[in-house]
Amino acid sequence: MVQTLQVAGNTVVDSGADGILVANDVFADGDGSTAFLSQTAAIVDNRIDGSGDDGIHVDNSVSAEHTAGATLSQSVAINDNTVTSSGIDGIFVGTYASGEAHYQQANGTVRLTQTVVVDPNTVVDSLEDGIGVHTVLGYLGTSAV
């Protein structure tokens, strides 16, 4: 799947969770199966105030089991936003990638290419991180690639 998205010029006030959420789950399971997402995302010129969780949240999960393969190729631009009074993070980009093997089979293969630009934004009064970028790679099986 190839996707281009733009979230621009919005005002979000007092959302119960995230002010703006872009969430992706790329998952493949089974011998030789594949899943692919290529995404270009622009989150620009928004005003978010009083989010219960994150003002802007980009969440990615990429996983494959057995001999399957999952690929995420992503370019994200988070620019010229104003985020105030977030319950957790002002801007948060989280990516989790994992390959897993079962019953002594080969691991699933995960491919992740990601470019993230967060510049310039104004973040005021977040309870945790103003801007947080977290990436986790986990392999359950015989090896990590």
C-alpha atoms as a PDB file:
ATOM      1  CA  MET A   1       0.000   0.000   0.000  1.00  0.00           C
ATOM      2  CA  VAL A   2       1.218   3.490  -0.812  1.00  0.00           C
ATOM      3  CA  GLN A   3      -0.287   6.390   1.124  1.00  0.00           C
ATOM      4  CA  THR A   4       0.155  10.157   1.208  1.00  0.00           C
ATOM      5  CA  LEU A   5      -1.583  12.174   3.890  1.00  0.00           C
ATOM      6  CA  GLN A   6      -1.652  15.747   5.063  1.00  0.00           C
ATOM      7  CA  VAL A   7      -3.189  17.078   8.273  1.00  0.00           C
ATOM      8  CA  ALA A   8      -3.018  20.851   8.000  1.00  0.00           C
ATOM      9  CA  GLY A   9      -4.577  24.009   9.380  1.00  0.00           C
ATOM     10  CA  ASN A  10      -6.746  22.402  12.060  1.00  0.00           C
ATOM     11  CA  THR A  11      -7.673  23.530  15.564  1.00  0.00           C
ATOM     12  CA  VAL A  12      -8.246  20.765  18.140  1.00  0.00           C
ATOM     13  CA  VAL A  13      -9.340  21.711  21.662  1.00  0.00           C
ATOM     14  CA  ASP A  14      -9.829  19.453  24.712  1.00  0.00           C
ATOM     15  CA  SER A  15      -9.638  16.093  22.965  1.00  0.00           C
ATOM     16  CA  GLY A  16     -10.038  13.162  25.321  1.00  0.00           C
ATOM     17  CA  ALA A  17      -6.966  11.356  23.980  1.00  0.00           C
ATOM     18  CA  ASP A  18      -4.610  12.512  21.194  1.00  0.00           C
ATOM     19  CA  GLY A  19      -5.210  15.787  19.404  1.00  0.00           C
ATOM     20  CA  ILE A  20      -3.922  14.348  16.113  1.00  0.00           C
ATOM     21  CA  LEU A  21      -3.175  10.635  15.708  1.00  0.00           C
ATOM     22  CA  VAL A  22      -1.588   8.862  12.738  1.00  0.00           C
ATOM     23  CA  ALA A  23      -1.382   5.128  13.505  1.00  0.00           C
ATOM     24  CA  ASN A  24      -0.033   2.302  11.338  1.00  0.00           C
ATOM     25  CA  ASP A  25       0.094  -1.444  11.933  1.00  0.00           C
ATOM     26  CA  VAL A  26       2.009  -3.444   9.322  1.00  0.00           C
ATOM     27  CA  PHE A  27       1.789  -7.161  10.124  1.00  0.00           C
ATOM     28  CA  ALA A  28       2.599 -10.348   8.202  1.00  0.00           C
ATOM     29  CA  ASP A  29       2.196 -13.914   9.434  1.00  0.00           C
ATOM     30  CA  GLY A  30       2.676 -17.166   7.588  1.00  0.00           C
ATOM     31  CA  ASP A  31       5.194 -18.782   5.305  1.00  0.00           C
ATOM     32  CA  GLY A  32       6.312 -16.261   2.723  1.00  0.00           C
ATOM     33  CA  SER A  33       3.505 -13.761   3.285  1.00  0.00           C
ATOM     34  CA  THR A  34       4.336 -10.058   3.039  1.00  0.00           C
ATOM     35  CA  ALA A  35       2.903  -6.724   4.130  1.00  0.00           C
ATOM     36  CA  PHE A  36       4.141  -3.356   2.820  1.00  0.00           C
ATOM     37  CA  LEU A  37       3.322   0.270   3.600  1.00  0.00           C
ATOM     38  CA  SER A  38       5.004   3.282   2.043  1.00  0.00           C
ATOM     39  CA  GLN A  39       3.736   6.465   3.672  1.00  0.00           C
ATOM     40  CA  THR A  40       4.457  10.156   3.330  1.00  0.00           C
ATOM     41  CA  ALA A  41       2.808  12.227   6.047  1.00  0.00           C
ATOM     42  CA  ALA A  42       2.782  15.967   6.661  1.00  0.00           C
ATOM     43  CA  ILE A  43       1.325  17.370   9.883  1.00  0.00           C
ATOM     44  CA  VAL A  44       1.612  21.128   9.487  1.00  0.00           C
ATOM     45  CA  ASP A  45       0.227  24.382  10.835  1.00  0.00           C
ATOM     46  CA  ASN A  46      -2.164  22.905  13.411  1.00  0.00           C
ATOM     47  CA  ARG A  47      -3.164  24.237  16.819  1.00  0.00           C
ATOM     48  CA  ILE A  48      -3.780  21.645  19.543  1.00  0.00           C
ATOM     49  CA  ASP A  49      -4.793  22.663  23.071  1.00  0.00           C
ATOM     50  CA  GLY A  50      -5.735  20.520  26.064  1.00  0.00           C
ATOM     51  CA  SER A  51      -5.226  16.996  24.718  1.00  0.00           C
ATOM     52  CA  GLY A  52      -5.796  14.265  27.276  1.00  0.00           C
ATOM     53  CA  ASP A  53      -2.775  12.300  26.004  1.00  0.00           C
ATOM     54  CA  ASP A  54      -0.435  13.508  23.230  1.00  0.00           C
ATOM     55  CA  GLY A  55      -0.954  16.658  21.212  1.00  0.00           C
ATOM     56  CA  ILE A  56       0.403  14.995  18.059  1.00  0.00           C
ATOM     57  CA  HIS A  57       1.062  11.243  18.045  1.00  0.00           C
ATOM     58  CA  VAL A  58       2.531   9.171  15.209  1.00  0.00           C
ATOM     59  CA  ASP A  59       2.411   5.483  16.148  1.00  0.00           C
ATOM     60  CA  ASN A  60       3.925   2.655  14.081  1.00  0.00           C
ATOM     61  CA  SER A  61       4.006  -1.080  14.638  1.00  0.00           C
ATOM     62  CA  VAL A  62       5.811  -3.330  12.153  1.00  0.00           C
ATOM     63  CA  SER A  63       5.915  -7.057  12.835  1.00  0.00           C
ATOM     64  CA  ALA A  64       6.385 -10.385  11.091  1.00  0.00           C
ATOM     65  CA  GLU A  65       6.173 -13.962  12.290  1.00  0.00           C
ATOM     66  CA  HIS A  66       7.548 -17.251  10.959  1.00  0.00           C
ATOM     67  CA  THR A  67       9.114 -16.646   7.533  1.00  0.00           C
ATOM     68  CA  ALA A  68       6.884 -13.680   6.668  1.00  0.00           C
ATOM     69  CA  GLY A  69       8.138 -10.185   5.852  1.00  0.00           C
ATOM     70  CA  ALA A  70       6.794  -6.773   6.854  1.00  0.00           C
ATOM     71  CA  THR A  71       8.070  -3.443   5.495  1.00  0.00           C
ATOM     72  CA  LEU A  72       7.396   0.154   6.504  1.00  0.00           C
ATOM     73  CA  SER A  73       8.933   2.983   4.536  1.00  0.00           C
ATOM     74  CA  GLN A  74       7.876   6.279   6.069  1.00  0.00           C
ATOM     75  CA  SER A  75       8.636   9.965   5.759  1.00  0.00           C
ATOM     76  CA  VAL A  76       7.000  12.253   8.339  1.00  0.00           C
ATOM     77  CA  ALA A  77       7.179  16.041   8.562  1.00  0.00           C
ATOM     78  CA  ILE A  78       5.741  17.660  11.696  1.00  0.00           C
ATOM     79  CA  ASN A  79       6.154  21.387  11.148  1.00  0.00           C
ATOM     80  CA  ASP A  80       4.785  24.739  12.309  1.00  0.00           C
ATOM     81  CA  ASN A  81       2.358  23.329  14.906  1.00  0.00           C
ATOM     82  CA  THR A  82       1.442  24.835  18.264  1.00  0.00           C
ATOM     83  CA  VAL A  83       0.699  22.342  21.056  1.00  0.00           C
ATOM     84  CA  THR A  84      -0.313  23.485  24.550  1.00  0.00           C
ATOM     85  CA  SER A  85      -1.383  21.679  27.732  1.00  0.00           C
ATOM     86  CA  SER A  86      -0.949  18.033  26.713  1.00  0.00           C
ATOM     87  CA  GLY A  87      -1.713  15.323  29.253  1.00  0.00           C
ATOM     88  CA  ILE A  88       1.392  13.351  28.234  1.00  0.00           C
ATOM     89  CA  ASP A  89       3.685  14.467  25.370  1.00  0.00           C
ATOM     90  CA  GLY A  90       3.334  17.486  23.136  1.00  0.00           C
ATOM     91  CA  ILE A  91       4.609  15.607  20.076  1.00  0.00           C
ATOM     92  CA  PHE A  92       5.347  11.874  20.179  1.00  0.00           C
ATOM     93  CA  VAL A  93       6.641   9.567  17.443  1.00  0.00           C
ATOM     94  CA  GLY A  94       6.785   5.918  18.487  1.00  0.00           C
ATOM     95  CA  THR A  95       7.936   3.009  16.339  1.00  0.00           C
ATOM     96  CA  TYR A  96       7.996  -0.651  17.351  1.00  0.00           C
ATOM     97  CA  ALA A  97       9.431  -3.301  15.026  1.00  0.00           C
ATOM     98  CA  SER A  98       9.648  -7.025  15.746  1.00  0.00           C
ATOM     99  CA  GLY A  99      10.351 -10.324  14.055  1.00  0.00           C
ATOM    100  CA  GLU A 100       9.347 -13.528  15.742  1.00  0.00           C
ATOM    101  CA  ALA A 101       9.918 -17.236  15.247  1.00  0.00           C
ATOM    102  CA  HIS A 102       7.767 -20.075  16.539  1.00  0.00           C
ATOM    103  CA  TYR A 103       8.630 -23.718  17.071  1.00  0.00           C
ATOM    104  CA  GLN A 104      12.209 -23.476  15.779  1.00  0.00           C
ATOM    105  CA  GLN A 105      11.197 -21.907  12.458  1.00  0.00           C
ATOM    106  CA  ALA A 106      13.006 -19.004  10.837  1.00  0.00           C
ATOM    107  CA  ASN A 107      12.298 -15.520  12.130  1.00  0.00           C
ATOM    108  CA  GLY A 108       9.966 -13.130  10.425  1.00  0.00           C
ATOM    109  CA  THR A 109      11.830 -10.325   8.644  1.00  0.00           C
ATOM    110  CA  VAL A 110      11.098  -6.675   9.330  1.00  0.00           C
ATOM    111  CA  ARG A 111      12.355  -3.790   7.203  1.00  0.00           C
ATOM    112  CA  LEU A 112      11.979  -0.248   8.462  1.00  0.00           C
ATOM    113  CA  THR A 113      13.082   2.931   6.733  1.00  0.00           C
ATOM    114  CA  GLN A 114      11.971   6.085   8.494  1.00  0.00           C
ATOM    115  CA  THR A 115      12.683   9.783   8.169  1.00  0.00           C
ATOM    116  CA  VAL A 116      11.135  12.097  10.753  1.00  0.00           C
ATOM    117  CA  VAL A 117      11.508  15.884  10.787  1.00  0.00           C
ATOM    118  CA  VAL A 118      10.053  17.823  13.728  1.00  0.00           C
ATOM    119  CA  ASP A 119      10.917  21.463  13.008  1.00  0.00           C
ATOM    120  CA  PRO A 120       9.855  24.149  13.940  1.00  0.00           C
ATOM    121  CA  ASN A 121       7.021  23.655  16.428  1.00  0.00           C
ATOM    122  CA  THR A 122       5.945  25.334  19.647  1.00  0.00           C
ATOM    123  CA  VAL A 123       5.171  23.023  22.586  1.00  0.00           C
ATOM    124  CA  VAL A 124       4.095  24.490  25.946  1.00  0.00           C
ATOM    125  CA  ASP A 125       3.017  22.815  29.196  1.00  0.00           C
ATOM    126  CA  SER A 126       3.240  19.075  28.488  1.00  0.00           C
ATOM    127  CA  LEU A 127       3.193  16.800  31.532  1.00  0.00           C
ATOM    128  CA  GLU A 128       5.993  14.574  30.181  1.00  0.00           C
ATOM    129  CA  ASP A 129       8.095  15.134  27.049  1.00  0.00           C
ATOM    130  CA  GLY A 130       7.695  18.228  24.945  1.00  0.00           C
ATOM    131  CA  ILE A 131       8.900  16.199  21.955  1.00  0.00           C
ATOM    132  CA  GLY A 132       9.568  12.458  22.233  1.00  0.00           C
ATOM    133  CA  VAL A 133      10.879  10.083  19.567  1.00  0.00           C
ATOM    134  CA  HIS A 134      11.119   6.424  20.625  1.00  0.00           C
ATOM    135  CA  THR A 135      12.104   3.392  18.557  1.00  0.00           C
ATOM    136  CA  VAL A 136      12.145  -0.217  19.769  1.00  0.00           C
ATOM    137  CA  LEU A 137      13.467  -3.207  17.824  1.00  0.00           C
ATOM    138  CA  GLY A 138      12.699  -6.638  19.229  1.00  0.00           C
ATOM    139  CA  TYR A 139      13.462 -10.079  17.870  1.00  0.00           C
ATOM    140  CA  LEU A 140      12.138 -13.224  19.487  1.00  0.00           C
ATOM    141  CA  GLY A 141      13.874 -16.239  18.060  1.00  0.00           C
ATOM    142  CA  THR A 142      17.345 -17.154  16.972  1.00  0.00           C
ATOM    143  CA  SER A 143      18.822 -13.833  15.852  1.00  0.00           C
ATOM    144  CA  ALA A 144      18.330 -10.110  15.419  1.00  0.00           C
ATOM    145  CA  VAL A 145      18.960  -8.442  12.090  1.00  0.00           C
END
